[in-house]
PDB file of N, CA and C in Angstrom:
ATOM      1  N   MET A   1     -34.160 -14.857 -44.388  1.00  0.00           N
ATOM      2  CA  MET A   1     -35.487 -14.146 -44.525  1.00  0.00           C
ATOM      3  C   MET A   1     -35.274 -13.183 -43.195  1.00  0.00           C
ATOM      4  N   LYS A   2     -35.947 -11.975 -43.127  1.00  0.00           N
ATOM      5  CA  LYS A   2     -35.364 -11.570 -41.891  1.00  0.00           C
ATOM      6  C   LYS A   2     -37.081 -10.849 -41.556  1.00  0.00           C
ATOM      7  N   THR A   3     -38.011 -10.991 -40.707  1.00  0.00           N
ATOM      8  CA  THR A   3     -39.184 -10.426 -40.370  1.00  0.00           C
ATOM      9  C   THR A   3     -39.242  -9.252 -38.987  1.00  0.00           C
ATOM     10  N   ARG A   4     -39.794  -8.453 -38.956  1.00  0.00           N
ATOM     11  CA  ARG A   4     -40.284  -7.559 -37.725  1.00  0.00           C
ATOM     12  C   ARG A   4     -41.705  -7.979 -37.464  1.00  0.00           C
ATOM     13  N   LEU A   5     -41.841  -7.711 -36.010  1.00  0.00           N
ATOM     14  CA  LEU A   5     -42.998  -7.937 -35.601  1.00  0.00           C
ATOM     15  C   LEU A   5     -43.120  -6.639 -34.678  1.00  0.00           C
ATOM     16  N   SER A   6     -44.286  -5.821 -34.118  1.00  0.00           N
ATOM     17  CA  SER A   6     -44.279  -4.908 -33.659  1.00  0.00           C
ATOM     18  C   SER A   6     -43.513  -5.264 -31.783  1.00  0.00           C
ATOM     19  N   ASN A   7     -44.327  -6.308 -31.016  1.00  0.00           N
ATOM     20  CA  ASN A   7     -43.234  -6.168 -29.754  1.00  0.00           C
ATOM     21  C   ASN A   7     -42.436  -7.765 -30.045  1.00  0.00           C
ATOM     22  N   ARG A   8     -41.952  -8.245 -31.475  1.00  0.00           N
ATOM     23  CA  ARG A   8     -40.755  -9.148 -31.376  1.00  0.00           C
ATOM     24  C   ARG A   8     -39.755  -8.556 -32.393  1.00  0.00           C
ATOM     25  N   ALA A   9     -38.569  -9.033 -31.947  1.00  0.00           N
ATOM     26  CA  ALA A   9     -37.469  -8.876 -32.905  1.00  0.00           C
ATOM     27  C   ALA A   9     -36.913 -10.213 -33.084  1.00  0.00           C
ATOM     28  N   ALA A  10     -36.775 -10.296 -34.527  1.00  0.00           N
ATOM     29  CA  ALA A  10     -36.159 -11.990 -34.909  1.00  0.00           C
ATOM     30  C   ALA A  10     -35.364 -11.728 -35.658  1.00  0.00           C
ATOM     31  N   PHE A  11     -34.157 -12.377 -35.268  1.00  0.00           N
ATOM     32  CA  PHE A  11     -32.983 -13.181 -35.994  1.00  0.00           C
ATOM     33  C   PHE A  11     -33.473 -14.596 -36.325  1.00  0.00           C
ATOM     34  N   LEU A  12     -33.050 -14.460 -37.822  1.00  0.00           N
ATOM     35  CA  LEU A  12     -33.105 -15.479 -38.096  1.00  0.00           C
ATOM     36  C   LEU A  12     -31.862 -16.695 -38.753  1.00  0.00           C
ATOM     37  N   PHE A  13     -31.751 -17.481 -38.050  1.00  0.00           N
ATOM     38  CA  PHE A  13     -30.434 -18.417 -38.679  1.00  0.00           C
ATOM     39  C   PHE A  13     -30.864 -19.589 -39.630  1.00  0.00           C
ATOM     40  N   LYS A  14     -29.952 -19.484 -40.223  1.00  0.00           N
ATOM     41  CA  LYS A  14     -30.082 -20.622 -41.428  1.00  0.00           C
ATOM     42  C   LYS A  14     -29.743 -22.083 -40.644  1.00  0.00           C
ATOM     43  N   LYS A  15     -30.521 -22.840 -40.573  1.00  0.00           N
ATOM     44  CA  LYS A  15     -30.267 -24.190 -39.871  1.00  0.00           C
ATOM     45  C   LYS A  15     -30.868 -25.460 -41.403  1.00  0.00           C
ATOM     46  N   GLY A  16     -30.049 -25.328 -42.392  1.00  0.00           N
ATOM     47  CA  GLY A  16     -30.409 -26.197 -43.439  1.00  0.00           C
ATOM     48  C   GLY A  16     -31.643 -25.141 -44.461  1.00  0.00           C
ATOM     49  N   GLU A  17     -32.935 -25.432 -44.109  1.00  0.00           N
ATOM     50  CA  GLU A  17     -33.797 -24.906 -44.905  1.00  0.00           C
ATOM     51  C   GLU A  17     -34.726 -24.103 -43.908  1.00  0.00           C
ATOM     52  N   GLU A  18     -34.390 -24.479 -42.479  1.00  0.00           N
ATOM     53  CA  GLU A  18     -35.391 -23.776 -41.573  1.00  0.00           C
ATOM     54  C   GLU A  18     -34.631 -22.176 -40.951  1.00  0.00           C
ATOM     55  N   ALA A  19     -35.485 -21.917 -40.212  1.00  0.00           N
ATOM     56  CA  ALA A  19     -35.219 -20.471 -39.571  1.00  0.00           C
ATOM     57  C   ALA A  19     -35.705 -20.409 -38.269  1.00  0.00           C
ATOM     58  N   MET A  20     -34.919 -20.012 -37.398  1.00  0.00           N
ATOM     59  CA  MET A  20     -35.243 -19.724 -35.781  1.00  0.00           C
ATOM     60  C   MET A  20     -35.496 -18.135 -35.574  1.00  0.00           C
ATOM     61  N   SER A  21     -36.511 -17.894 -34.654  1.00  0.00           N
ATOM     62  CA  SER A  21     -36.367 -16.350 -34.348  1.00  0.00           C
ATOM     63  C   SER A  21     -36.489 -16.634 -32.955  1.00  0.00           C
ATOM     64  N   VAL A  22     -35.807 -15.743 -32.497  1.00  0.00           N
ATOM     65  CA  VAL A  22     -35.528 -14.943 -31.124  1.00  0.00           C
ATOM     66  C   VAL A  22     -36.607 -14.192 -30.581  1.00  0.00           C
ATOM     67  N   ASP A  23     -37.593 -14.505 -29.432  1.00  0.00           N
ATOM     68  CA  ASP A  23     -38.456 -13.582 -29.103  1.00  0.00           C
ATOM     69  C   ASP A  23     -38.081 -12.600 -27.878  1.00  0.00           C
ATOM     70  N   PHE A  24     -37.686 -11.209 -28.114  1.00  0.00           N
ATOM     71  CA  PHE A  24     -37.422  -9.947 -26.908  1.00  0.00           C
ATOM     72  C   PHE A  24     -38.447  -9.479 -26.322  1.00  0.00           C
ATOM     73  N   THR A  25     -39.747  -9.657 -26.281  1.00  0.00           N
ATOM     74  CA  THR A  25     -40.624  -9.225 -25.435  1.00  0.00           C
ATOM     75  C   THR A  25     -40.589  -9.491 -23.898  1.00  0.00           C
ATOM     76  N   TYR A  26     -39.699 -10.119 -23.551  1.00  0.00           N
ATOM     77  CA  TYR A  26     -39.290 -10.113 -22.367  1.00  0.00           C
ATOM     78  C   TYR A  26     -38.452  -8.977 -21.651  1.00  0.00           C
ATOM     79  N   LEU A  27     -37.749  -8.466 -22.625  1.00  0.00           N
ATOM     80  CA  LEU A  27     -36.384  -7.467 -22.532  1.00  0.00           C
ATOM     81  C   LEU A  27     -36.598  -6.850 -21.672  1.00  0.00           C
ATOM     82  N   LYS A  28     -37.658  -6.085 -21.923  1.00  0.00           N
ATOM     83  CA  LYS A  28     -37.842  -4.447 -21.081  1.00  0.00           C
ATOM     84  C   LYS A  28     -38.091  -4.991 -19.490  1.00  0.00           C
ATOM     85  N   ASP A  29     -38.728  -6.203 -19.296  1.00  0.00           N
ATOM     86  CA  ASP A  29     -38.819  -6.427 -17.588  1.00  0.00           C
ATOM     87  C   ASP A  29     -37.633  -6.813 -17.202  1.00  0.00           C
ATOM     88  N   TRP A  30     -36.267  -7.058 -18.110  1.00  0.00           N
ATOM     89  CA  TRP A  30     -35.122  -7.539 -17.677  1.00  0.00           C
ATOM     90  C   TRP A  30     -33.784  -6.232 -17.513  1.00  0.00           C
ATOM     91  N   ILE A  31     -34.227  -5.026 -18.280  1.00  0.00           N
ATOM     92  CA  ILE A  31     -33.660  -3.703 -18.138  1.00  0.00           C
ATOM     93  C   ILE A  31     -33.280  -3.300 -16.715  1.00  0.00           C
ATOM     94  N   PRO A  32     -34.408  -3.289 -15.624  1.00  0.00           N
ATOM     95  CA  PRO A  32     -33.991  -2.687 -14.491  1.00  0.00           C
ATOM     96  C   PRO A  32     -33.338  -3.308 -13.367  1.00  0.00           C
ATOM     97  N   ILE A  33     -33.338  -4.879 -14.050  1.00  0.00           N
ATOM     98  CA  ILE A  33     -32.416  -5.767 -13.057  1.00  0.00           C
ATOM     99  C   ILE A  33     -31.240  -5.798 -13.780  1.00  0.00           C
ATOM    100  N   ILE A  34     -30.722  -5.556 -14.837  1.00  0.00           N
ATOM    101  CA  ILE A  34     -29.462  -5.315 -15.405  1.00  0.00           C
ATOM    102  C   ILE A  34     -29.095  -3.834 -15.055  1.00  0.00           C
ATOM    103  N   MET A  35     -29.980  -3.009 -15.236  1.00  0.00           N
ATOM    104  CA  MET A  35     -29.298  -1.620 -15.208  1.00  0.00           C
ATOM    105  C   MET A  35     -28.830  -1.951 -13.158  1.00  0.00           C
ATOM    106  N   PHE A  36     -29.655  -2.323 -12.483  1.00  0.00           N
ATOM    107  CA  PHE A  36     -29.086  -2.663 -11.155  1.00  0.00           C
ATOM    108  C   PHE A  36     -28.243  -2.975 -11.255  1.00  0.00           C
ATOM    109  N   PHE A  37     -27.733  -4.645 -11.721  1.00  0.00           N
ATOM    110  CA  PHE A  37     -26.513  -5.192 -11.713  1.00  0.00           C
ATOM    111  C   PHE A  37     -25.312  -4.149 -12.242  1.00  0.00           C
ATOM    112  N   ILE A  38     -25.620  -3.618 -13.351  1.00  0.00           N
ATOM    113  CA  ILE A  38     -24.300  -2.876 -13.535  1.00  0.00           C
ATOM    114  C   ILE A  38     -23.913  -1.415 -12.765  1.00  0.00           C
ATOM    115  N   THR A  39     -24.853  -0.705 -11.575  1.00  0.00           N
ATOM    116  CA  THR A  39     -24.734   0.105 -11.010  1.00  0.00           C
ATOM    117  C   THR A  39     -24.025  -0.394  -9.724  1.00  0.00           C
ATOM    118  N   ILE A  40     -24.470  -1.442  -9.306  1.00  0.00           N
ATOM    119  CA  ILE A  40     -24.025  -2.213  -8.491  1.00  0.00           C
ATOM    120  C   ILE A  40     -21.903  -2.670  -8.498  1.00  0.00           C
ATOM    121  N   LEU A  41     -22.059  -2.884 -10.040  1.00  0.00           N
ATOM    122  CA  LEU A  41     -20.600  -3.155 -10.279  1.00  0.00           C
ATOM    123  C   LEU A  41     -19.643  -2.180 -10.424  1.00  0.00           C
ATOM    124  N   GLY A  42     -20.347  -1.062 -11.168  1.00  0.00           N
ATOM    125  CA  GLY A  42     -19.965   0.107 -10.914  1.00  0.00           C
ATOM    126  C   GLY A  42     -19.639   0.816  -9.536  1.00  0.00           C
ATOM    127  N   GLY A  43     -20.208   0.866  -8.454  1.00  0.00           N
ATOM    128  CA  GLY A  43     -19.988   0.740  -7.346  1.00  0.00           C
ATOM    129  C   GLY A  43     -18.802   0.469  -6.728  1.00  0.00           C
ATOM    130  N   PHE A  44     -18.934  -1.173  -6.984  1.00  0.00           N
ATOM    131  CA  PHE A  44     -17.826  -1.779  -6.536  1.00  0.00           C
ATOM    132  C   PHE A  44     -16.593  -1.615  -6.901  1.00  0.00           C
ATOM    133  N   TRP A  45     -16.700  -1.411  -8.179  1.00  0.00           N
ATOM    134  CA  TRP A  45     -15.414  -0.650  -9.152  1.00  0.00           C
ATOM    135  C   TRP A  45     -14.879   0.579  -8.290  1.00  0.00           C
ATOM    136  N   SER A  46     -15.550   1.538  -8.187  1.00  0.00           N
ATOM    137  CA  SER A  46     -15.061   2.673  -7.632  1.00  0.00           C
ATOM    138  C   SER A  46     -14.785   2.647  -6.454  1.00  0.00           C
ATOM    139  N   ILE A  47     -15.171   1.123  -5.380  1.00  0.00           N
ATOM    140  CA  ILE A  47     -14.780   1.747  -4.169  1.00  0.00           C
ATOM    141  C   ILE A  47     -13.244   0.978  -4.044  1.00  0.00           C
ATOM    142  N   ALA A  48     -12.984  -0.229  -4.761  1.00  0.00           N
ATOM    143  CA  ALA A  48     -11.827  -1.165  -5.304  1.00  0.00           C
ATOM    144  C   ALA A  48     -10.937  -0.169  -5.798  1.00  0.00           C
ATOM    145  N   ASP A  49     -11.234   0.993  -6.675  1.00  0.00           N
ATOM    146  CA  ASP A  49     -10.175   1.716  -6.927  1.00  0.00           C
ATOM    147  C   ASP A  49     -10.055   2.905  -5.836  1.00  0.00           C
ATOM    148  N   LYS A  50     -10.718   3.437  -5.273  1.00  0.00           N
ATOM    149  CA  LYS A  50     -10.170   4.186  -4.103  1.00  0.00           C
ATOM    150  C   LYS A  50      -9.274   3.472  -3.092  1.00  0.00           C
ATOM    151  N   LEU A  51      -9.752   2.297  -3.162  1.00  0.00           N
ATOM    152  CA  LEU A  51      -8.965   1.179  -1.982  1.00  0.00           C
ATOM    153  C   LEU A  51      -7.824   0.770  -2.220  1.00  0.00           C
ATOM    154  N   ASN A  52      -7.329   0.551  -3.841  1.00  0.00           N
ATOM    155  CA  ASN A  52      -6.176   0.488  -4.108  1.00  0.00           C
ATOM    156  C   ASN A  52      -5.009   2.006  -4.615  1.00  0.00           C
ATOM    157  N   SER A  53      -5.514   2.724  -4.551  1.00  0.00           N
ATOM    158  CA  SER A  53      -5.259   4.566  -4.392  1.00  0.00           C
ATOM    159  C   SER A  53      -4.599   4.473  -3.029  1.00  0.00           C
ATOM    160  N   THR A  54      -5.412   4.368  -2.073  1.00  0.00           N
ATOM    161  CA  THR A  54      -5.426   4.267  -0.686  1.00  0.00           C
ATOM    162  C   THR A  54      -4.332   3.170  -0.321  1.00  0.00           C
ATOM    163  N   LEU A  55      -4.184   1.674  -0.985  1.00  0.00           N
ATOM    164  CA  LEU A  55      -3.304   1.162  -0.393  1.00  0.00           C
ATOM    165  C   LEU A  55      -1.571   1.457  -0.753  1.00  0.00           C
ATOM    166  N   LYS A  56      -1.810   2.042  -2.430  1.00  0.00           N
ATOM    167  CA  LYS A  56      -0.461   2.351  -2.712  1.00  0.00           C
ATOM    168  C   LYS A  56      -0.171   3.519  -2.468  1.00  0.00           C
ATOM    169  N   THR A  57      -0.771   4.411  -1.597  1.00  0.00           N
ATOM    170  CA  THR A  57      -0.414   5.688  -0.725  1.00  0.00           C
ATOM    171  C   THR A  57       0.223   5.031   0.397  1.00  0.00           C
ATOM    172  N   LEU A  58      -0.331   4.305   1.311  1.00  0.00           N
ATOM    173  CA  LEU A  58       0.005   3.185   2.416  1.00  0.00           C
ATOM    174  C   LEU A  58       1.147   2.621   2.036  1.00  0.00           C
ATOM    175  N   SER A  59       1.443   1.716   1.290  1.00  0.00           N
ATOM    176  CA  SER A  59       2.690   1.120   1.044  1.00  0.00           C
ATOM    177  C   SER A  59       3.949   1.587   0.844  1.00  0.00           C
ATOM    178  N   PHE A  60       3.862   3.139  -0.125  1.00  0.00           N
ATOM    179  CA  PHE A  60       4.366   4.194  -0.208  1.00  0.00           C
ATOM    180  C   PHE A  60       5.032   4.933   0.956  1.00  0.00           C
ATOM    181  N   GLU A  61       3.921   4.901   1.758  1.00  0.00           N
ATOM    182  CA  GLU A  61       4.790   5.909   3.287  1.00  0.00           C
ATOM    183  C   GLU A  61       5.478   4.744   4.142  1.00  0.00           C
ATOM    184  N   ILE A  62       4.918   3.015   3.814  1.00  0.00           N
ATOM    185  CA  ILE A  62       5.560   1.906   5.194  1.00  0.00           C
ATOM    186  C   ILE A  62       6.703   2.464   4.740  1.00  0.00           C
ATOM    187  N   LYS A  63       7.101   2.167   3.298  1.00  0.00           N
ATOM    188  CA  LYS A  63       8.574   2.500   2.683  1.00  0.00           C
ATOM    189  C   LYS A  63       9.439   3.141   3.038  1.00  0.00           C
ATOM    190  N   ARG A  64       8.922   4.449   2.887  1.00  0.00           N
ATOM    191  CA  ARG A  64       9.470   5.655   3.717  1.00  0.00           C
ATOM    192  C   ARG A  64       9.860   5.512   5.007  1.00  0.00           C
ATOM    193  N   LEU A  65       8.638   4.893   5.783  1.00  0.00           N
ATOM    194  CA  LEU A  65       8.863   4.759   7.399  1.00  0.00           C
ATOM    195  C   LEU A  65      10.010   3.831   7.315  1.00  0.00           C
ATOM    196  N   HIS A  66      10.022   2.714   6.518  1.00  0.00           N
ATOM    197  CA  HIS A  66      11.162   1.941   6.739  1.00  0.00           C
ATOM    198  C   HIS A  66      12.485   2.269   6.680  1.00  0.00           C
ATOM    199  N   GLU A  67      12.087   3.151   5.504  1.00  0.00           N
ATOM    200  CA  GLU A  67      13.977   3.526   4.919  1.00  0.00           C
ATOM    201  C   GLU A  67      14.069   4.576   6.535  1.00  0.00           C
ATOM    202  N   SER A  68      13.397   5.428   7.120  1.00  0.00           N
ATOM    203  CA  SER A  68      13.760   6.463   7.741  1.00  0.00           C
ATOM    204  C   SER A  68      14.356   5.446   9.099  1.00  0.00           C
ATOM    205  N   ILE A  69      13.292   4.680   9.374  1.00  0.00           N
ATOM    206  CA  ILE A  69      13.665   3.558  10.715  1.00  0.00           C
ATOM    207  C   ILE A  69      15.130   2.929  10.416  1.00  0.00           C
ATOM    208  N   MET A  70      15.539   2.801   9.379  1.00  0.00           N
ATOM    209  CA  MET A  70      16.998   1.959   8.823  1.00  0.00           C
ATOM    210  C   MET A  70      17.666   3.177   9.361  1.00  0.00           C
ATOM    211  N   ARG A  71      17.559   4.035   8.520  1.00  0.00           N
ATOM    212  CA  ARG A  71      18.459   5.679   8.821  1.00  0.00           C
ATOM    213  C   ARG A  71      18.521   5.905  10.543  1.00  0.00           C
ATOM    214  N   SER A  72      17.628   5.901  10.922  1.00  0.00           N
ATOM    215  CA  SER A  72      17.610   6.650  12.070  1.00  0.00           C
ATOM    216  C   SER A  72      18.579   4.947  12.976  1.00  0.00           C
ATOM    217  N   GLU A  73      18.485   4.122  12.373  1.00  0.00           N
ATOM    218  CA  GLU A  73      19.307   2.975  13.418  1.00  0.00           C
ATOM    219  C   GLU A  73      20.724   3.071  13.340  1.00  0.00           C
ATOM    220  N   LYS A  74      21.169   3.290  11.656  1.00  0.00           N
ATOM    221  CA  LYS A  74      22.727   3.801  11.501  1.00  0.00           C
ATOM    222  C   LYS A  74      23.387   4.409  12.266  1.00  0.00           C
ATOM    223  N   GLU A  75      22.308   5.781  12.497  1.00  0.00           N
ATOM    224  CA  GLU A  75      22.564   6.888  12.974  1.00  0.00           C
ATOM    225  C   GLU A  75      23.025   6.564  14.511  1.00  0.00           C
ATOM    226  N   GLN A  76      21.797   5.701  15.139  1.00  0.00           N
ATOM    227  CA  GLN A  76      22.231   5.422  16.488  1.00  0.00           C
ATOM    228  C   GLN A  76      23.249   4.853  16.695  1.00  0.00           C
ATOM    229  N   LEU A  77      23.834   4.026  15.762  1.00  0.00           N
ATOM    230  CA  LEU A  77      25.332   3.095  16.209  1.00  0.00           C
ATOM    231  C   LEU A  77      25.870   3.883  16.303  1.00  0.00           C
ATOM    232  N   LYS A  78      26.329   4.868  14.826  1.00  0.00           N
ATOM    233  CA  LYS A  78      27.344   6.096  15.231  1.00  0.00           C
ATOM    234  C   LYS A  78      27.671   6.716  16.473  1.00  0.00           C
ATOM    235  N   MET A  79      26.130   6.875  16.970  1.00  0.00           N
ATOM    236  CA  MET A  79      25.920   7.936  18.188  1.00  0.00           C
ATOM    237  C   MET A  79      26.661   7.141  19.335  1.00  0.00           C
ATOM    238  N   ASN A  80      26.208   5.664  19.315  1.00  0.00           N
ATOM    239  CA  ASN A  80      26.533   4.765  20.093  1.00  0.00           C
ATOM    240  C   ASN A  80      28.086   4.648  20.317  1.00  0.00           C
ATOM    241  N   ASP A  81      28.971   4.849  19.111  1.00  0.00           N
ATOM    242  CA  ASP A  81      30.328   4.594  18.853  1.00  0.00           C
ATOM    243  C   ASP A  81      30.925   5.718  19.584  1.00  0.00           C
ATOM    244  N   THR A  82      30.786   7.158  19.095  1.00  0.00           N
ATOM    245  CA  THR A  82      30.945   8.226  19.806  1.00  0.00           C
ATOM    246  C   THR A  82      30.867   8.352  20.961  1.00  0.00           C
ATOM    247  N   ILE A  83      29.528   7.965  21.512  1.00  0.00           N
ATOM    248  CA  ILE A  83      29.744   7.997  23.077  1.00  0.00           C
ATOM    249  C   ILE A  83      30.625   6.982  23.568  1.00  0.00           C
ATOM    250  N   ASP A  84      30.617   5.417  22.983  1.00  0.00           N
ATOM    251  CA  ASP A  84      32.006   5.060  23.710  1.00  0.00           C
ATOM    252  C   ASP A  84      33.251   5.708  23.591  1.00  0.00           C
ATOM    253  N   LYS A  85      33.516   6.533  22.670  1.00  0.00           N
ATOM    254  CA  LYS A  85      35.018   6.535  22.489  1.00  0.00           C
ATOM    255  C   LYS A  85      34.650   7.862  23.422  1.00  0.00           C
ATOM    256  N   HIS A  86      33.612   8.556  23.682  1.00  0.00           N
ATOM    257  CA  HIS A  86      34.174  10.002  24.467  1.00  0.00           C
ATOM    258  C   HIS A  86      33.727   9.232  25.900  1.00  0.00           C
ATOM    259  N   ASP A  87      33.208   8.249  26.157  1.00  0.00           N
ATOM    260  CA  ASP A  87      33.191   7.397  27.534  1.00  0.00           C
ATOM    261  C   ASP A  87      34.960   7.240  27.692  1.00  0.00           C
ATOM    262  N   GLY A  88      35.571   6.517  26.942  1.00  0.00           N
ATOM    263  CA  GLY A  88      36.565   6.098  27.137  1.00  0.00           C
ATOM    264  C   GLY A  88      37.491   7.292  27.260  1.00  0.00           C
ATOM    265  N   ARG A  89      37.606   8.008  26.889  1.00  0.00           N
ATOM    266  CA  ARG A  89      38.385   9.548  26.961  1.00  0.00           C
ATOM    267  C   ARG A  89      37.990   9.819  28.286  1.00  0.00           C
ATOM    268  N   LEU A  90      37.076  10.212  28.930  1.00  0.00           N
ATOM    269  CA  LEU A  90      36.720  10.383  30.136  1.00  0.00           C
ATOM    270  C   LEU A  90      37.375   9.787  31.194  1.00  0.00           C
ATOM    271  N   ASP A  91      37.028   8.499  30.910  1.00  0.00           N
ATOM    272  CA  ASP A  91      37.542   7.431  32.127  1.00  0.00           C
ATOM    273  C   ASP A  91      39.165   7.484  31.940  1.00  0.00           C
ATOM    274  N   LYS A  92      39.574   7.414  31.005  1.00  0.00           N
ATOM    275  CA  LYS A  92      40.941   8.224  30.716  1.00  0.00           C
ATOM    276  C   LYS A  92      41.535   9.234  31.809  1.00  0.00           C
ATOM    277  N   ALA A  93      40.575  10.332  31.406  1.00  0.00           N
ATOM    278  CA  ALA A  93      41.008  11.743  32.117  1.00  0.00           C
ATOM    279  C   ALA A  93      40.752  11.868  33.465  1.00  0.00           C
ATOM    280  N   GLU A  94      40.016  11.126  34.180  1.00  0.00           N
ATOM    281  CA  GLU A  94      39.545  10.422  35.381  1.00  0.00           C
ATOM    282  C   GLU A  94      41.410   9.902  36.229  1.00  0.00           C
ATOM    283  N   LYS A  95      41.647   9.068  35.387  1.00  0.00           N
ATOM    284  CA  LYS A  95      42.437   8.235  35.360  1.00  0.00           C
ATOM    285  C   LYS A  95      43.915   8.949  36.132  1.00  0.00           C
ATOM    286  N   ASP A  96      44.150   9.734  34.677  1.00  0.00           N
ATOM    287  CA  ASP A  96      45.150  10.923  35.008  1.00  0.00           C
ATOM    288  C   ASP A  96      44.826  12.001  36.195  1.00  0.00           C
ATOM    289  N   ILE A  97      43.604  11.993  36.194  1.00  0.00           N
ATOM    290  CA  ILE A  97      43.182  13.235  37.770  1.00  0.00           C
ATOM    291  C   ILE A  97      43.448  12.677  38.829  1.00  0.00           C
ATOM    292  N   GLU A  98      43.421  11.376  39.083  1.00  0.00           N
ATOM    293  CA  GLU A  98      43.696  10.454  40.388  1.00  0.00           C
ATOM    294  C   GLU A  98      45.106  10.509  40.251  1.00  0.00           C
ATOM    295  N   VAL A  99      46.068  10.261  39.347  1.00  0.00           N
ATOM    296  CA  VAL A  99      47.601   9.912  39.402  1.00  0.00           C
ATOM    297  C   VAL A  99      47.980  11.096  39.904  1.00  0.00           C
ATOM    298  N   LEU A 100      47.259  12.385  39.204  1.00  0.00           N
ATOM    299  CA  LEU A 100      48.135  13.578  39.421  1.00  0.00           C
ATOM    300  C   LEU A 100      47.855  13.745  40.964  1.00  0.00           C
ATOM    301  N   LYS A 101      46.637  13.740  41.555  1.00  0.00           N
ATOM    302  CA  LYS A 101      46.232  14.172  42.874  1.00  0.00           C
ATOM    303  C   LYS A 101      47.036  12.824  43.738  1.00  0.00           C
ATOM    304  N   ASP A 102      46.990  11.764  43.506  1.00  0.00           N
ATOM    305  CA  ASP A 102      48.205  10.851  44.181  1.00  0.00           C
ATOM    306  C   ASP A 102      49.743  11.567  44.294  1.00  0.00           C
ATOM    307  N   TRP A 103      50.268  12.140  43.086  1.00  0.00           N
ATOM    308  CA  TRP A 103      51.230  12.299  42.680  1.00  0.00           C
ATOM    309  C   TRP A 103      51.804  13.688  43.990  1.00  0.00           C
ATOM    310  N   ARG A 104      50.433  14.284  43.711  1.00  0.00           N
ATOM    311  CA  ARG A 104      50.755  15.799  45.001  1.00  0.00           C
ATOM    312  C   ARG A 104      50.688  15.618  46.171  1.00  0.00           C
ATOM    313  N   LYS A 105      49.839  14.515  46.369  1.00  0.00           N
ATOM    314  CA  LYS A 105      50.105  14.332  47.561  1.00  0.00           C
ATOM    315  C   LYS A 105      51.101  13.462  48.238  1.00  0.00           C
ATOM    316  N   GLY A 106      51.604  13.090  47.335  1.00  0.00           N
ATOM    317  CA  GLY A 106      53.150  12.177  47.568  1.00  0.00           C
ATOM    318  C   GLY A 106      54.151  13.629  47.591  1.00  0.00           C
ATOM    319  N   TYR A 107      54.222  14.327  46.561  1.00  0.00           N
ATOM    320  CA  TYR A 107      55.099  15.513  47.159  1.00  0.00           C
ATOM    321  C   TYR A 107      55.316  16.383  47.811  1.00  0.00           C
ATOM    322  N   ARG A 108      53.520  16.426  48.318  1.00  0.00           N
ATOM    323  CA  ARG A 108      53.735  17.307  49.289  1.00  0.00           C
ATOM    324  C   ARG A 108      54.317  16.967  50.539  1.00  0.00           C
ATOM    325  N   LYS A 109      54.174  15.629  50.927  1.00  0.00           N
ATOM    326  CA  LYS A 109      54.562  15.112  52.148  1.00  0.00           C
ATOM    327  C   LYS A 109      56.281  15.146  52.413  1.00  0.00           C
TER     328      LYS A 109
END
């Protein structure tokens, strides 16, 4: 059995022979509060979404920066090895020049 009144919405639940009705008269008082909380949740959702996209972008950029630093470190090690090789060659050339100068001095005497 279902009844309708002007300010009352009635839902009937059968419990044996009894029927229970629920009154929604004060629902219109709660609608602004419910809408306020939905708006607040929507705002938080928007902020969280923007923050999430920003963090994803930053995470990607940090990964790229880390890869770049690792690549630079490898290149730096290669460059240091090349510099050490050239330094050794220069030291050898300086020794050879000194030996030749000493030999010339000895030859001129």
